[in-house]
Amino acid sequence: MTPSEVEDQLATMVQAIVLKRVAPDTLLLESGLLDSVAAVDLMLSVEARFGCTVPITEVEEHLQSLRTLTAYVVAHT
């Protein structure tokens, strides 16, 4: 799967949770789009779809934006 395909799938997942489309560099946590419950929902979806788990101590780092999450998933699948 290409990084672009991963990003498209992650964008769909994020959109389903926050109920709006977000740009790749939109700050997900800092902007308040994702709260702690939504972040857990997204992480569970990522794990189910891609088979990789973001360690709890690294969630803030990798959920900064769709772009950072894509980079993490591509590197760990």
N, C-alpha and C. Protein backbone atom coordinates (compact mmCIF):
# COMPACT_ATOMS: atom_id res chain seq x y z
N MET A 1 0.85 -1.18 0.00
CA MET A 1 0.00 0.00 0.00
C MET A 1 0.90 1.24 0.00
N THR A 2 0.58 2.19 -0.85
CA THR A 2 1.40 3.40 -0.94
C THR A 2 1.07 4.36 0.20
N PRO A 3 1.99 5.26 0.52
CA PRO A 3 1.70 6.27 1.55
C PRO A 3 0.44 7.08 1.24
N SER A 4 0.20 7.35 -0.03
CA SER A 4 -0.99 8.10 -0.42
C SER A 4 -2.26 7.32 -0.12
N GLU A 5 -2.23 6.02 -0.37
CA GLU A 5 -3.39 5.17 -0.08
C GLU A 5 -3.63 5.09 1.43
N VAL A 6 -2.55 4.97 2.19
CA VAL A 6 -2.66 4.95 3.65
C VAL A 6 -3.28 6.26 4.14
N GLU A 7 -2.77 7.38 3.62
CA GLU A 7 -3.30 8.69 4.03
C GLU A 7 -4.78 8.82 3.68
N ASP A 8 -5.18 8.34 2.52
CA ASP A 8 -6.59 8.40 2.12
C ASP A 8 -7.47 7.60 3.09
N GLN A 9 -7.00 6.41 3.46
CA GLN A 9 -7.78 5.58 4.38
C GLN A 9 -7.83 6.21 5.78
N LEU A 10 -6.72 6.76 6.22
CA LEU A 10 -6.70 7.44 7.52
C LEU A 10 -7.58 8.68 7.51
N ALA A 11 -7.59 9.40 6.40
CA ALA A 11 -8.45 10.58 6.28
C ALA A 11 -9.91 10.19 6.42
N THR A 12 -10.27 9.08 5.83
CA THR A 12 -11.65 8.59 5.95
C THR A 12 -11.97 8.23 7.39
N MET A 13 -11.03 7.60 8.08
CA MET A 13 -11.23 7.24 9.49
C MET A 13 -11.40 8.49 10.35
N VAL A 14 -10.53 9.47 10.15
CA VAL A 14 -10.60 10.71 10.92
C VAL A 14 -11.92 11.42 10.63
N GLN A 15 -12.29 11.48 9.38
CA GLN A 15 -13.54 12.14 9.00
C GLN A 15 -14.74 11.47 9.67
N ALA A 16 -14.73 10.16 9.77
CA ALA A 16 -15.84 9.45 10.42
C ALA A 16 -15.93 9.78 11.90
N ILE A 17 -14.80 10.10 12.51
CA ILE A 17 -14.79 10.41 13.95
C ILE A 17 -15.10 11.88 14.23
N VAL A 18 -14.50 12.79 13.45
CA VAL A 18 -14.68 14.21 13.74
C VAL A 18 -15.80 14.84 12.91
N LEU A 19 -16.34 14.05 11.99
CA LEU A 19 -17.49 14.45 11.16
C LEU A 19 -17.21 15.63 10.24
N LYS A 20 -15.94 15.74 9.85
CA LYS A 20 -15.58 16.70 8.80
C LYS A 20 -14.24 16.31 8.23
N ARG A 21 -14.02 16.73 7.00
CA ARG A 21 -12.77 16.44 6.31
C ARG A 21 -11.67 17.35 6.85
N VAL A 22 -10.49 16.80 7.05
CA VAL A 22 -9.38 17.60 7.57
C VAL A 22 -8.21 17.54 6.60
N ALA A 23 -7.47 18.63 6.51
CA ALA A 23 -6.27 18.69 5.68
C ALA A 23 -5.16 17.87 6.34
N PRO A 24 -4.21 17.40 5.57
CA PRO A 24 -3.13 16.56 6.12
C PRO A 24 -2.34 17.21 7.26
N ASP A 25 -2.24 18.53 7.26
CA ASP A 25 -1.45 19.20 8.29
C ASP A 25 -2.29 19.83 9.40
N THR A 26 -3.59 19.61 9.40
CA THR A 26 -4.45 20.14 10.46
C THR A 26 -4.06 19.51 11.79
N LEU A 27 -3.87 20.33 12.79
CA LEU A 27 -3.52 19.82 14.12
C LEU A 27 -4.75 19.18 14.74
N LEU A 28 -4.69 17.89 14.97
CA LEU A 28 -5.85 17.15 15.44
C LEU A 28 -6.11 17.33 16.93
N LEU A 29 -5.07 17.21 17.73
CA LEU A 29 -5.24 17.31 19.18
C LEU A 29 -5.25 18.76 19.63
N GLU A 30 -4.27 19.53 19.17
CA GLU A 30 -4.16 20.93 19.60
C GLU A 30 -5.37 21.76 19.21
N SER A 31 -5.97 21.43 18.07
CA SER A 31 -7.14 22.19 17.61
C SER A 31 -8.41 21.77 18.34
N GLY A 32 -8.34 20.65 19.03
CA GLY A 32 -9.53 20.16 19.73
C GLY A 32 -10.41 19.26 18.88
N LEU A 33 -10.00 18.97 17.65
CA LEU A 33 -10.79 18.08 16.81
C LEU A 33 -10.90 16.69 17.43
N LEU A 34 -9.80 16.23 18.01
CA LEU A 34 -9.81 14.94 18.70
C LEU A 34 -9.65 15.16 20.19
N ASP A 35 -10.60 14.65 20.95
CA ASP A 35 -10.42 14.64 22.40
C ASP A 35 -9.88 13.25 22.76
N SER A 36 -9.74 12.97 24.03
CA SER A 36 -9.13 11.70 24.43
C SER A 36 -9.95 10.49 23.98
N VAL A 37 -11.26 10.59 24.03
CA VAL A 37 -12.11 9.47 23.62
C VAL A 37 -12.00 9.26 22.11
N ALA A 38 -12.03 10.34 21.35
CA ALA A 38 -11.91 10.25 19.89
C ALA A 38 -10.54 9.72 19.50
N ALA A 39 -9.50 10.11 20.23
CA ALA A 39 -8.16 9.62 19.94
C ALA A 39 -8.08 8.11 20.15
N VAL A 40 -8.70 7.62 21.21
CA VAL A 40 -8.73 6.17 21.46
C VAL A 40 -9.50 5.47 20.33
N ASP A 41 -10.63 6.03 19.93
CA ASP A 41 -11.40 5.44 18.82
C ASP A 41 -10.56 5.35 17.56
N LEU A 42 -9.83 6.41 17.27
CA LEU A 42 -8.99 6.42 16.08
C LEU A 42 -7.88 5.38 16.19
N MET A 43 -7.25 5.30 17.35
CA MET A 43 -6.16 4.34 17.53
C MET A 43 -6.67 2.90 17.40
N LEU A 44 -7.86 2.63 17.90
CA LEU A 44 -8.43 1.29 17.76
C LEU A 44 -8.73 0.99 16.29
N SER A 45 -9.20 1.97 15.56
CA SER A 45 -9.47 1.80 14.13
C SER A 45 -8.19 1.55 13.35
N VAL A 46 -7.13 2.30 13.70
CA VAL A 46 -5.83 2.13 13.04
C VAL A 46 -5.30 0.73 13.31
N GLU A 47 -5.40 0.30 14.56
CA GLU A 47 -4.91 -1.03 14.91
C GLU A 47 -5.69 -2.12 14.16
N ALA A 48 -7.00 -1.98 14.09
CA ALA A 48 -7.83 -2.98 13.41
C ALA A 48 -7.55 -3.00 11.91
N ARG A 49 -7.37 -1.84 11.30
CA ARG A 49 -7.19 -1.77 9.85
C ARG A 49 -5.76 -2.08 9.42
N PHE A 50 -4.78 -1.54 10.13
CA PHE A 50 -3.39 -1.65 9.68
C PHE A 50 -2.54 -2.59 10.52
N GLY A 51 -3.05 -3.01 11.68
CA GLY A 51 -2.31 -3.96 12.50
C GLY A 51 -1.14 -3.38 13.26
N CYS A 52 -1.10 -2.05 13.39
CA CYS A 52 -0.02 -1.45 14.18
C CYS A 52 -0.63 -0.64 15.32
N THR A 53 0.07 -0.66 16.43
CA THR A 53 -0.40 0.02 17.62
C THR A 53 0.52 1.18 17.95
N VAL A 54 -0.08 2.33 18.22
CA VAL A 54 0.71 3.49 18.66
C VAL A 54 0.82 3.37 20.18
N PRO A 55 2.04 3.28 20.71
CA PRO A 55 2.20 3.20 22.17
C PRO A 55 1.56 4.42 22.84
N ILE A 56 0.93 4.20 23.96
CA ILE A 56 0.21 5.27 24.66
C ILE A 56 1.11 6.47 24.94
N THR A 57 2.38 6.23 25.17
CA THR A 57 3.31 7.32 25.45
C THR A 57 3.66 8.12 24.21
N GLU A 58 3.27 7.63 23.02
CA GLU A 58 3.60 8.30 21.77
C GLU A 58 2.37 8.83 21.03
N VAL A 59 1.20 8.68 21.61
CA VAL A 59 -0.04 9.09 20.93
C VAL A 59 0.00 10.57 20.57
N GLU A 60 0.38 11.41 21.50
CA GLU A 60 0.40 12.85 21.24
C GLU A 60 1.34 13.19 20.08
N GLU A 61 2.45 12.51 20.02
CA GLU A 61 3.43 12.75 18.96
C GLU A 61 2.90 12.34 17.58
N HIS A 62 2.31 11.17 17.51
CA HIS A 62 1.89 10.64 16.21
C HIS A 62 0.50 11.08 15.79
N LEU A 63 -0.26 11.63 16.70
CA LEU A 63 -1.59 12.15 16.35
C LEU A 63 -1.59 13.66 16.18
N GLN A 64 -0.45 14.24 15.96
CA GLN A 64 -0.40 15.68 15.74
C GLN A 64 -1.25 16.06 14.54
N SER A 65 -1.12 15.27 13.47
CA SER A 65 -1.86 15.56 12.25
C SER A 65 -2.04 14.27 11.46
N LEU A 66 -2.84 14.35 10.44
CA LEU A 66 -3.03 13.22 9.55
C LEU A 66 -1.70 12.83 8.91
N ARG A 67 -0.87 13.80 8.60
CA ARG A 67 0.43 13.54 7.98
C ARG A 67 1.35 12.77 8.93
N THR A 68 1.39 13.15 10.22
CA THR A 68 2.27 12.45 11.17
C THR A 68 1.75 11.04 11.43
N LEU A 69 0.44 10.87 11.46
CA LEU A 69 -0.13 9.54 11.67
C LEU A 69 0.16 8.65 10.46
N THR A 70 0.04 9.21 9.27
CA THR A 70 0.35 8.46 8.06
C THR A 70 1.81 7.98 8.07
N ALA A 71 2.72 8.86 8.43
CA ALA A 71 4.13 8.50 8.48
C ALA A 71 4.36 7.35 9.46
N TYR A 72 3.69 7.41 10.61
CA TYR A 72 3.84 6.34 11.60
C TYR A 72 3.32 5.01 11.05
N VAL A 73 2.12 5.04 10.49
CA VAL A 73 1.51 3.80 9.98
C VAL A 73 2.36 3.22 8.85
N VAL A 74 2.82 4.04 7.93
CA VAL A 74 3.65 3.55 6.83
C VAL A 74 4.93 2.91 7.37
N ALA A 75 5.52 3.50 8.38
CA ALA A 75 6.77 2.99 8.94
C ALA A 75 6.57 1.70 9.75
N HIS A 76 5.34 1.45 10.20
CA HIS A 76 5.11 0.30 11.09
C HIS A 76 4.19 -0.77 10.50
N THR A 77 3.99 -0.74 9.20
CA THR A 77 3.19 -1.80 8.57
C THR A 77 3.99 -2.50 7.51
